[in-house]
Amino acid sequence: NAISSYQIQRLSLADSGDKTTVYLNMRL
């Protein structure tokens, strides 16, 4: 019953051709 919390302000995965641009901003 121990609690862990995570907040994701923004997650972006954008495909362009054979690549994906990744951006993640969060609090762990």
PDB file of all heavy atoms in Angstrom:
ATOM      1  N   ASN A   1       0.804  -1.229   0.000  1.00  0.00           N
ATOM      2  CA  ASN A   1       0.000   0.000   0.000  1.00  0.00           C
ATOM      3  C   ASN A   1       0.832   1.272   0.000  1.00  0.00           C
ATOM      4  O   ASN A   1       0.302   2.359   0.228  1.00  0.00           O
ATOM      5  CB  ASN A   1      -0.990   0.041   1.179  1.00  0.00           C
ATOM      6  CG  ASN A   1      -2.080  -1.003   1.057  1.00  0.00           C
ATOM      7  OD1 ASN A   1      -2.434  -1.409  -0.044  1.00  0.00           O
ATOM      8  ND2 ASN A   1      -2.598  -1.465   2.180  1.00  0.00           N
ATOM      9  N   ALA A   2       2.145   1.175  -0.232  1.00  0.00           N
ATOM     10  CA  ALA A   2       2.961   2.381  -0.380  1.00  0.00           C
ATOM     11  C   ALA A   2       2.657   3.022  -1.729  1.00  0.00           C
ATOM     12  O   ALA A   2       2.398   2.342  -2.720  1.00  0.00           O
ATOM     13  CB  ALA A   2       4.439   2.028  -0.273  1.00  0.00           C
ATOM     14  N   ILE A   3       2.693   4.356  -1.765  1.00  0.00           N
ATOM     15  CA  ILE A   3       2.261   5.113  -2.931  1.00  0.00           C
ATOM     16  C   ILE A   3       3.442   5.785  -3.617  1.00  0.00           C
ATOM     17  O   ILE A   3       4.300   6.378  -2.972  1.00  0.00           O
ATOM     18  CB  ILE A   3       1.242   6.206  -2.523  1.00  0.00           C
ATOM     19  CG1 ILE A   3       0.080   5.588  -1.744  1.00  0.00           C
ATOM     20  CG2 ILE A   3       0.748   6.950  -3.755  1.00  0.00           C
ATOM     21  CD1 ILE A   3      -0.702   4.565  -2.487  1.00  0.00           C
ATOM     22  N   SER A   4       3.487   5.687  -4.947  1.00  0.00           N
ATOM     23  CA  SER A   4       4.437   6.439  -5.763  1.00  0.00           C
ATOM     24  C   SER A   4       3.637   7.257  -6.768  1.00  0.00           C
ATOM     25  O   SER A   4       2.654   6.768  -7.339  1.00  0.00           O
ATOM     26  CB  SER A   4       5.395   5.505  -6.515  1.00  0.00           C
ATOM     27  OG  SER A   4       6.117   4.686  -5.621  1.00  0.00           O
ATOM     28  N   SER A   5       4.049   8.500  -6.994  1.00  0.00           N
ATOM     29  CA  SER A   5       3.300   9.371  -7.891  1.00  0.00           C
ATOM     30  C   SER A   5       4.217  10.005  -8.923  1.00  0.00           C
ATOM     31  O   SER A   5       5.389  10.272  -8.640  1.00  0.00           O
ATOM     32  CB  SER A   5       2.569  10.465  -7.106  1.00  0.00           C
ATOM     33  OG  SER A   5       3.505  11.283  -6.425  1.00  0.00           O
ATOM     34  N   TYR A   6       3.673  10.241 -10.102  1.00  0.00           N
ATOM     35  CA  TYR A   6       4.422  10.794 -11.218  1.00  0.00           C
ATOM     36  C   TYR A   6       3.514  11.783 -11.944  1.00  0.00           C
ATOM     37  O   TYR A   6       2.323  11.531 -12.124  1.00  0.00           O
ATOM     38  CB  TYR A   6       4.868   9.687 -12.181  1.00  0.00           C
ATOM     39  CG  TYR A   6       5.475   8.495 -11.478  1.00  0.00           C
ATOM     40  CD1 TYR A   6       4.671   7.438 -11.056  1.00  0.00           C
ATOM     41  CD2 TYR A   6       6.833   8.442 -11.203  1.00  0.00           C
ATOM     42  CE1 TYR A   6       5.219   6.353 -10.386  1.00  0.00           C
ATOM     43  CE2 TYR A   6       7.388   7.366 -10.549  1.00  0.00           C
ATOM     44  CZ  TYR A   6       6.573   6.319 -10.139  1.00  0.00           C
ATOM     45  OH  TYR A   6       7.114   5.251  -9.468  1.00  0.00           O
ATOM     46  N   GLN A   7       4.111  12.904 -12.353  1.00  0.00           N
ATOM     47  CA  GLN A   7       3.348  13.917 -13.087  1.00  0.00           C
ATOM     48  C   GLN A   7       4.031  14.181 -14.426  1.00  0.00           C
ATOM     49  O   GLN A   7       5.232  14.493 -14.454  1.00  0.00           O
ATOM     50  CB  GLN A   7       3.254  15.221 -12.287  1.00  0.00           C
ATOM     51  CG  GLN A   7       2.552  15.087 -10.942  1.00  0.00           C
ATOM     52  CD  GLN A   7       3.463  14.589  -9.844  1.00  0.00           C
ATOM     53  OE1 GLN A   7       4.630  14.960  -9.787  1.00  0.00           O
ATOM     54  NE2 GLN A   7       2.955  13.740  -8.972  1.00  0.00           N
ATOM     55  N   ILE A   8       3.280  14.052 -15.495  1.00  0.00           N
ATOM     56  CA  ILE A   8       3.794  14.321 -16.839  1.00  0.00           C
ATOM     57  C   ILE A   8       3.205  15.645 -17.314  1.00  0.00           C
ATOM     58  O   ILE A   8       1.997  15.740 -17.558  1.00  0.00           O
ATOM     59  CB  ILE A   8       3.443  13.196 -17.823  1.00  0.00           C
ATOM     60  CG1 ILE A   8       4.069  11.880 -17.363  1.00  0.00           C
ATOM     61  CG2 ILE A   8       3.912  13.542 -19.229  1.00  0.00           C
ATOM     62  CD1 ILE A   8       3.721  10.697 -18.246  1.00  0.00           C
ATOM     63  N   GLN A   9       4.058  16.660 -17.413  1.00  0.00           N
ATOM     64  CA  GLN A   9       3.583  17.935 -17.936  1.00  0.00           C
ATOM     65  C   GLN A   9       3.355  17.835 -19.454  1.00  0.00           C
ATOM     66  O   GLN A   9       2.371  18.328 -19.973  1.00  0.00           O
ATOM     67  CB  GLN A   9       4.585  19.056 -17.641  1.00  0.00           C
ATOM     68  CG  GLN A   9       4.570  19.551 -16.201  1.00  0.00           C
ATOM     69  CD  GLN A   9       5.281  18.613 -15.247  1.00  0.00           C
ATOM     70  OE1 GLN A   9       6.272  17.979 -15.620  1.00  0.00           O
ATOM     71  NE2 GLN A   9       4.799  18.507 -14.023  1.00  0.00           N
ATOM     72  N   ARG A  10       4.287  17.147 -20.134  1.00  0.00           N
ATOM     73  CA  ARG A  10       4.142  17.022 -21.585  1.00  0.00           C
ATOM     74  C   ARG A  10       4.923  15.820 -22.092  1.00  0.00           C
ATOM     75  O   ARG A  10       6.058  15.598 -21.684  1.00  0.00           O
ATOM     76  CB  ARG A  10       4.639  18.284 -22.292  1.00  0.00           C
ATOM     77  CG  ARG A  10       4.503  18.237 -23.811  1.00  0.00           C
ATOM     78  CD  ARG A  10       5.180  19.421 -24.466  1.00  0.00           C
ATOM     79  NE  ARG A  10       5.302  19.264 -25.897  1.00  0.00           N
ATOM     80  CZ  ARG A  10       6.099  19.974 -26.691  1.00  0.00           C
ATOM     81  NH1 ARG A  10       6.855  20.922 -26.140  1.00  0.00           N
ATOM     82  NH2 ARG A  10       6.154  19.760 -27.972  1.00  0.00           N
ATOM     83  N   LEU A  11       4.291  15.049 -22.960  1.00  0.00           N
ATOM     84  CA  LEU A  11       4.943  13.956 -23.678  1.00  0.00           C
ATOM     85  C   LEU A  11       4.555  14.072 -25.141  1.00  0.00           C
ATOM     86  O   LEU A  11       3.372  14.153 -25.475  1.00  0.00           O
ATOM     87  CB  LEU A  11       4.513  12.596 -23.138  1.00  0.00           C
ATOM     88  CG  LEU A  11       4.917  11.379 -23.977  1.00  0.00           C
ATOM     89  CD1 LEU A  11       6.430  11.269 -24.062  1.00  0.00           C
ATOM     90  CD2 LEU A  11       4.321  10.099 -23.414  1.00  0.00           C
ATOM     91  N   SER A  12       5.558  14.101 -26.010  1.00  0.00           N
ATOM     92  CA  SER A  12       5.307  14.243 -27.443  1.00  0.00           C
ATOM     93  C   SER A  12       6.136  13.217 -28.209  1.00  0.00           C
ATOM     94  O   SER A  12       7.351  13.131 -28.022  1.00  0.00           O
ATOM     95  CB  SER A  12       5.660  15.659 -27.903  1.00  0.00           C
ATOM     96  OG  SER A  12       5.550  15.763 -29.304  1.00  0.00           O
ATOM     97  N   LEU A  13       5.460  12.438 -29.060  1.00  0.00           N
ATOM     98  CA  LEU A  13       6.103  11.502 -29.977  1.00  0.00           C
ATOM     99  C   LEU A  13       5.592  11.826 -31.370  1.00  0.00           C
ATOM    100  O   LEU A  13       4.405  11.646 -31.656  1.00  0.00           O
ATOM    101  CB  LEU A  13       5.757  10.052 -29.616  1.00  0.00           C
ATOM    102  CG  LEU A  13       6.093   9.586 -28.192  1.00  0.00           C
ATOM    103  CD1 LEU A  13       5.553   8.181 -27.958  1.00  0.00           C
ATOM    104  CD2 LEU A  13       7.591   9.617 -27.953  1.00  0.00           C
ATOM    105  N   ALA A  14       6.486  12.302 -32.232  1.00  0.00           N
ATOM    106  CA  ALA A  14       6.069  12.743 -33.563  1.00  0.00           C
ATOM    107  C   ALA A  14       6.889  12.016 -34.622  1.00  0.00           C
ATOM    108  O   ALA A  14       8.107  12.197 -34.706  1.00  0.00           O
ATOM    109  CB  ALA A  14       6.228  14.254 -33.707  1.00  0.00           C
ATOM    110  N   ASP A  15       6.216  11.192 -35.428  1.00  0.00           N
ATOM    111  CA  ASP A  15       6.876  10.483 -36.524  1.00  0.00           C
ATOM    112  C   ASP A  15       7.125  11.407 -37.699  1.00  0.00           C
ATOM    113  O   ASP A  15       6.269  12.228 -38.067  1.00  0.00           O
ATOM    114  CB  ASP A  15       6.019   9.301 -36.985  1.00  0.00           C
ATOM    115  CG  ASP A  15       6.361   8.017 -36.241  1.00  0.00           C
ATOM    116  OD1 ASP A  15       7.049   8.120 -35.209  1.00  0.00           O
ATOM    117  OD2 ASP A  15       5.934   6.937 -36.685  1.00  0.00           O
ATOM    118  N   SER A  16       8.308  11.276 -38.285  1.00  0.00           N
ATOM    119  CA  SER A  16       8.643  12.010 -39.501  1.00  0.00           C
ATOM    120  C   SER A  16       9.531  11.107 -40.348  1.00  0.00           C
ATOM    121  O   SER A  16      10.732  10.973 -40.085  1.00  0.00           O
ATOM    122  CB  SER A  16       9.364  13.322 -39.178  1.00  0.00           C
ATOM    123  OG  SER A  16       9.738  14.000 -40.365  1.00  0.00           O
ATOM    124  N   GLY A  17       8.924  10.465 -41.345  1.00  0.00           N
ATOM    125  CA  GLY A  17       9.680   9.516 -42.149  1.00  0.00           C
ATOM    126  C   GLY A  17      10.022   8.289 -41.323  1.00  0.00           C
ATOM    127  O   GLY A  17       9.138   7.627 -40.761  1.00  0.00           O
ATOM    128  N   ASP A  18      11.313   7.985 -41.218  1.00  0.00           N
ATOM    129  CA  ASP A  18      11.747   6.824 -40.457  1.00  0.00           C
ATOM    130  C   ASP A  18      12.247   7.212 -39.064  1.00  0.00           C
ATOM    131  O   ASP A  18      12.897   6.410 -38.395  1.00  0.00           O
ATOM    132  CB  ASP A  18      12.849   6.076 -41.207  1.00  0.00           C
ATOM    133  CG  ASP A  18      14.071   6.952 -41.464  1.00  0.00           C
ATOM    134  OD1 ASP A  18      13.989   8.174 -41.234  1.00  0.00           O
ATOM    135  OD2 ASP A  18      15.104   6.410 -41.901  1.00  0.00           O
ATOM    136  N   LYS A  19      11.937   8.439 -38.611  1.00  0.00           N
ATOM    137  CA  LYS A  19      12.375   8.911 -37.300  1.00  0.00           C
ATOM    138  C   LYS A  19      11.173   9.357 -36.462  1.00  0.00           C
ATOM    139  O   LYS A  19      10.135   9.752 -36.995  1.00  0.00           O
ATOM    140  CB  LYS A  19      13.359  10.078 -37.438  1.00  0.00           C
ATOM    141  CG  LYS A  19      14.635   9.769 -38.204  1.00  0.00           C
ATOM    142  CD  LYS A  19      15.562   8.877 -37.410  1.00  0.00           C
ATOM    143  CE  LYS A  19      16.876   8.666 -38.156  1.00  0.00           C
ATOM    144  NZ  LYS A  19      17.795   7.760 -37.393  1.00  0.00           N
ATOM    145  N   THR A  20      11.358   9.297 -35.142  1.00  0.00           N
ATOM    146  CA  THR A  20      10.381   9.843 -34.205  1.00  0.00           C
ATOM    147  C   THR A  20      11.087  10.842 -33.293  1.00  0.00           C
ATOM    148  O   THR A  20      12.109  10.513 -32.679  1.00  0.00           O
ATOM    149  CB  THR A  20       9.736   8.744 -33.347  1.00  0.00           C
ATOM    150  OG1 THR A  20       8.970   7.880 -34.170  1.00  0.00           O
ATOM    151  CG2 THR A  20       8.819   9.345 -32.286  1.00  0.00           C
ATOM    152  N   THR A  21      10.552  12.033 -33.242  1.00  0.00           N
ATOM    153  CA  THR A  21      11.075  13.047 -32.324  1.00  0.00           C
ATOM    154  C   THR A  21      10.416  12.865 -30.966  1.00  0.00           C
ATOM    155  O   THR A  21       9.185  12.807 -30.861  1.00  0.00           O
ATOM    156  CB  THR A  21      10.806  14.458 -32.855  1.00  0.00           C
ATOM    157  OG1 THR A  21      11.421  14.601 -34.148  1.00  0.00           O
ATOM    158  CG2 THR A  21      11.359  15.506 -31.927  1.00  0.00           C
ATOM    159  N   VAL A  22      11.241  12.760 -29.928  1.00  0.00           N
ATOM    160  CA  VAL A  22      10.756  12.458 -28.586  1.00  0.00           C
ATOM    161  C   VAL A  22      10.998  13.648 -27.671  1.00  0.00           C
ATOM    162  O   VAL A  22      12.089  14.230 -27.661  1.00  0.00           O
ATOM    163  CB  VAL A  22      11.475  11.215 -28.011  1.00  0.00           C
ATOM    164  CG1 VAL A  22      11.003  10.919 -26.590  1.00  0.00           C
ATOM    165  CG2 VAL A  22      11.255  10.012 -28.918  1.00  0.00           C
ATOM    166  N   TYR A  23       9.980  13.990 -26.891  1.00  0.00           N
ATOM    167  CA  TYR A  23      10.149  15.007 -25.849  1.00  0.00           C
ATOM    168  C   TYR A  23       9.279  14.623 -24.661  1.00  0.00           C
ATOM    169  O   TYR A  23       8.083  14.343 -24.796  1.00  0.00           O
ATOM    170  CB  TYR A  23       9.756  16.393 -26.322  1.00  0.00           C
ATOM    171  CG  TYR A  23       9.934  17.438 -25.226  1.00  0.00           C
ATOM    172  CD1 TYR A  23      11.201  17.922 -24.900  1.00  0.00           C
ATOM    173  CD2 TYR A  23       8.848  17.889 -24.485  1.00  0.00           C
ATOM    174  CE1 TYR A  23      11.376  18.843 -23.885  1.00  0.00           C
ATOM    175  CE2 TYR A  23       9.016  18.817 -23.464  1.00  0.00           C
ATOM    176  CZ  TYR A  23      10.287  19.287 -23.169  1.00  0.00           C
ATOM    177  OH  TYR A  23      10.460  20.188 -22.142  1.00  0.00           O
ATOM    178  N   LEU A  24       9.894  14.603 -23.475  1.00  0.00           N
ATOM    179  CA  LEU A  24       9.179  14.277 -22.241  1.00  0.00           C
ATOM    180  C   LEU A  24       9.616  15.237 -21.154  1.00  0.00           C
ATOM    181  O   LEU A  24      10.810  15.434 -20.917  1.00  0.00           O
ATOM    182  CB  LEU A  24       9.484  12.834 -21.814  1.00  0.00           C
ATOM    183  CG  LEU A  24       9.000  12.412 -20.420  1.00  0.00           C
ATOM    184  CD1 LEU A  24       7.479  12.437 -20.341  1.00  0.00           C
ATOM    185  CD2 LEU A  24       9.530  11.028 -20.062  1.00  0.00           C
ATOM    186  N   ASN A  25       8.654  15.829 -20.473  1.00  0.00           N
ATOM    187  CA  ASN A  25       8.900  16.707 -19.326  1.00  0.00           C
ATOM    188  C   ASN A  25       7.995  16.235 -18.197  1.00  0.00           C
ATOM    189  O   ASN A  25       6.771  16.295 -18.308  1.00  0.00           O
ATOM    190  CB  ASN A  25       8.594  18.160 -19.697  1.00  0.00           C
ATOM    191  CG  ASN A  25       8.962  19.123 -18.571  1.00  0.00           C
ATOM    192  OD1 ASN A  25       9.326  18.715 -17.478  1.00  0.00           O
ATOM    193  ND2 ASN A  25       8.853  20.410 -18.841  1.00  0.00           N
ATOM    194  N   MET A  26       8.595  15.742 -17.112  1.00  0.00           N
ATOM    195  CA  MET A  26       7.789  15.173 -16.036  1.00  0.00           C
ATOM    196  C   MET A  26       8.499  15.342 -14.699  1.00  0.00           C
ATOM    197  O   MET A  26       9.646  15.782 -14.630  1.00  0.00           O
ATOM    198  CB  MET A  26       7.531  13.683 -16.296  1.00  0.00           C
ATOM    199  CG  MET A  26       8.780  12.818 -16.226  1.00  0.00           C
ATOM    200  SD  MET A  26       8.414  11.039 -16.385  1.00  0.00           S
ATOM    201  CE  MET A  26       7.479  10.731 -14.873  1.00  0.00           C
ATOM    202  N   ARG A  27       7.784  14.960 -13.651  1.00  0.00           N
ATOM    203  CA  ARG A  27       8.348  14.928 -12.310  1.00  0.00           C
ATOM    204  C   ARG A  27       8.204  13.513 -11.780  1.00  0.00           C
ATOM    205  O   ARG A  27       7.122  12.933 -11.787  1.00  0.00           O
ATOM    206  CB  ARG A  27       7.668  15.935 -11.381  1.00  0.00           C
ATOM    207  CG  ARG A  27       7.858  17.371 -11.813  1.00  0.00           C
ATOM    208  CD  ARG A  27       7.466  18.345 -10.714  1.00  0.00           C
ATOM    209  NE  ARG A  27       8.384  18.284  -9.584  1.00  0.00           N
ATOM    210  CZ  ARG A  27       9.553  18.942  -9.543  1.00  0.00           C
ATOM    211  NH1 ARG A  27       9.928  19.699 -10.560  1.00  0.00           N
ATOM    212  NH2 ARG A  27      10.337  18.850  -8.482  1.00  0.00           N
ATOM    213  N   LEU A  28       9.331  12.966 -11.320  1.00  0.00           N
ATOM    214  CA  LEU A  28       9.394  11.616 -10.786  1.00  0.00           C
ATOM    215  C   LEU A  28       9.672  11.714  -9.299  1.00  0.00           C
ATOM    216  O   LEU A  28      10.799  12.012  -8.885  1.00  0.00           O
ATOM    217  CB  LEU A  28      10.503  10.826 -11.496  1.00  0.00           C
ATOM    218  CG  LEU A  28      10.842   9.443 -10.971  1.00  0.00           C
ATOM    219  CD1 LEU A  28       9.687   8.485 -11.228  1.00  0.00           C
ATOM    220  CD2 LEU A  28      12.119   8.921 -11.630  1.00  0.00           C
TER     221      LEU A  28
END
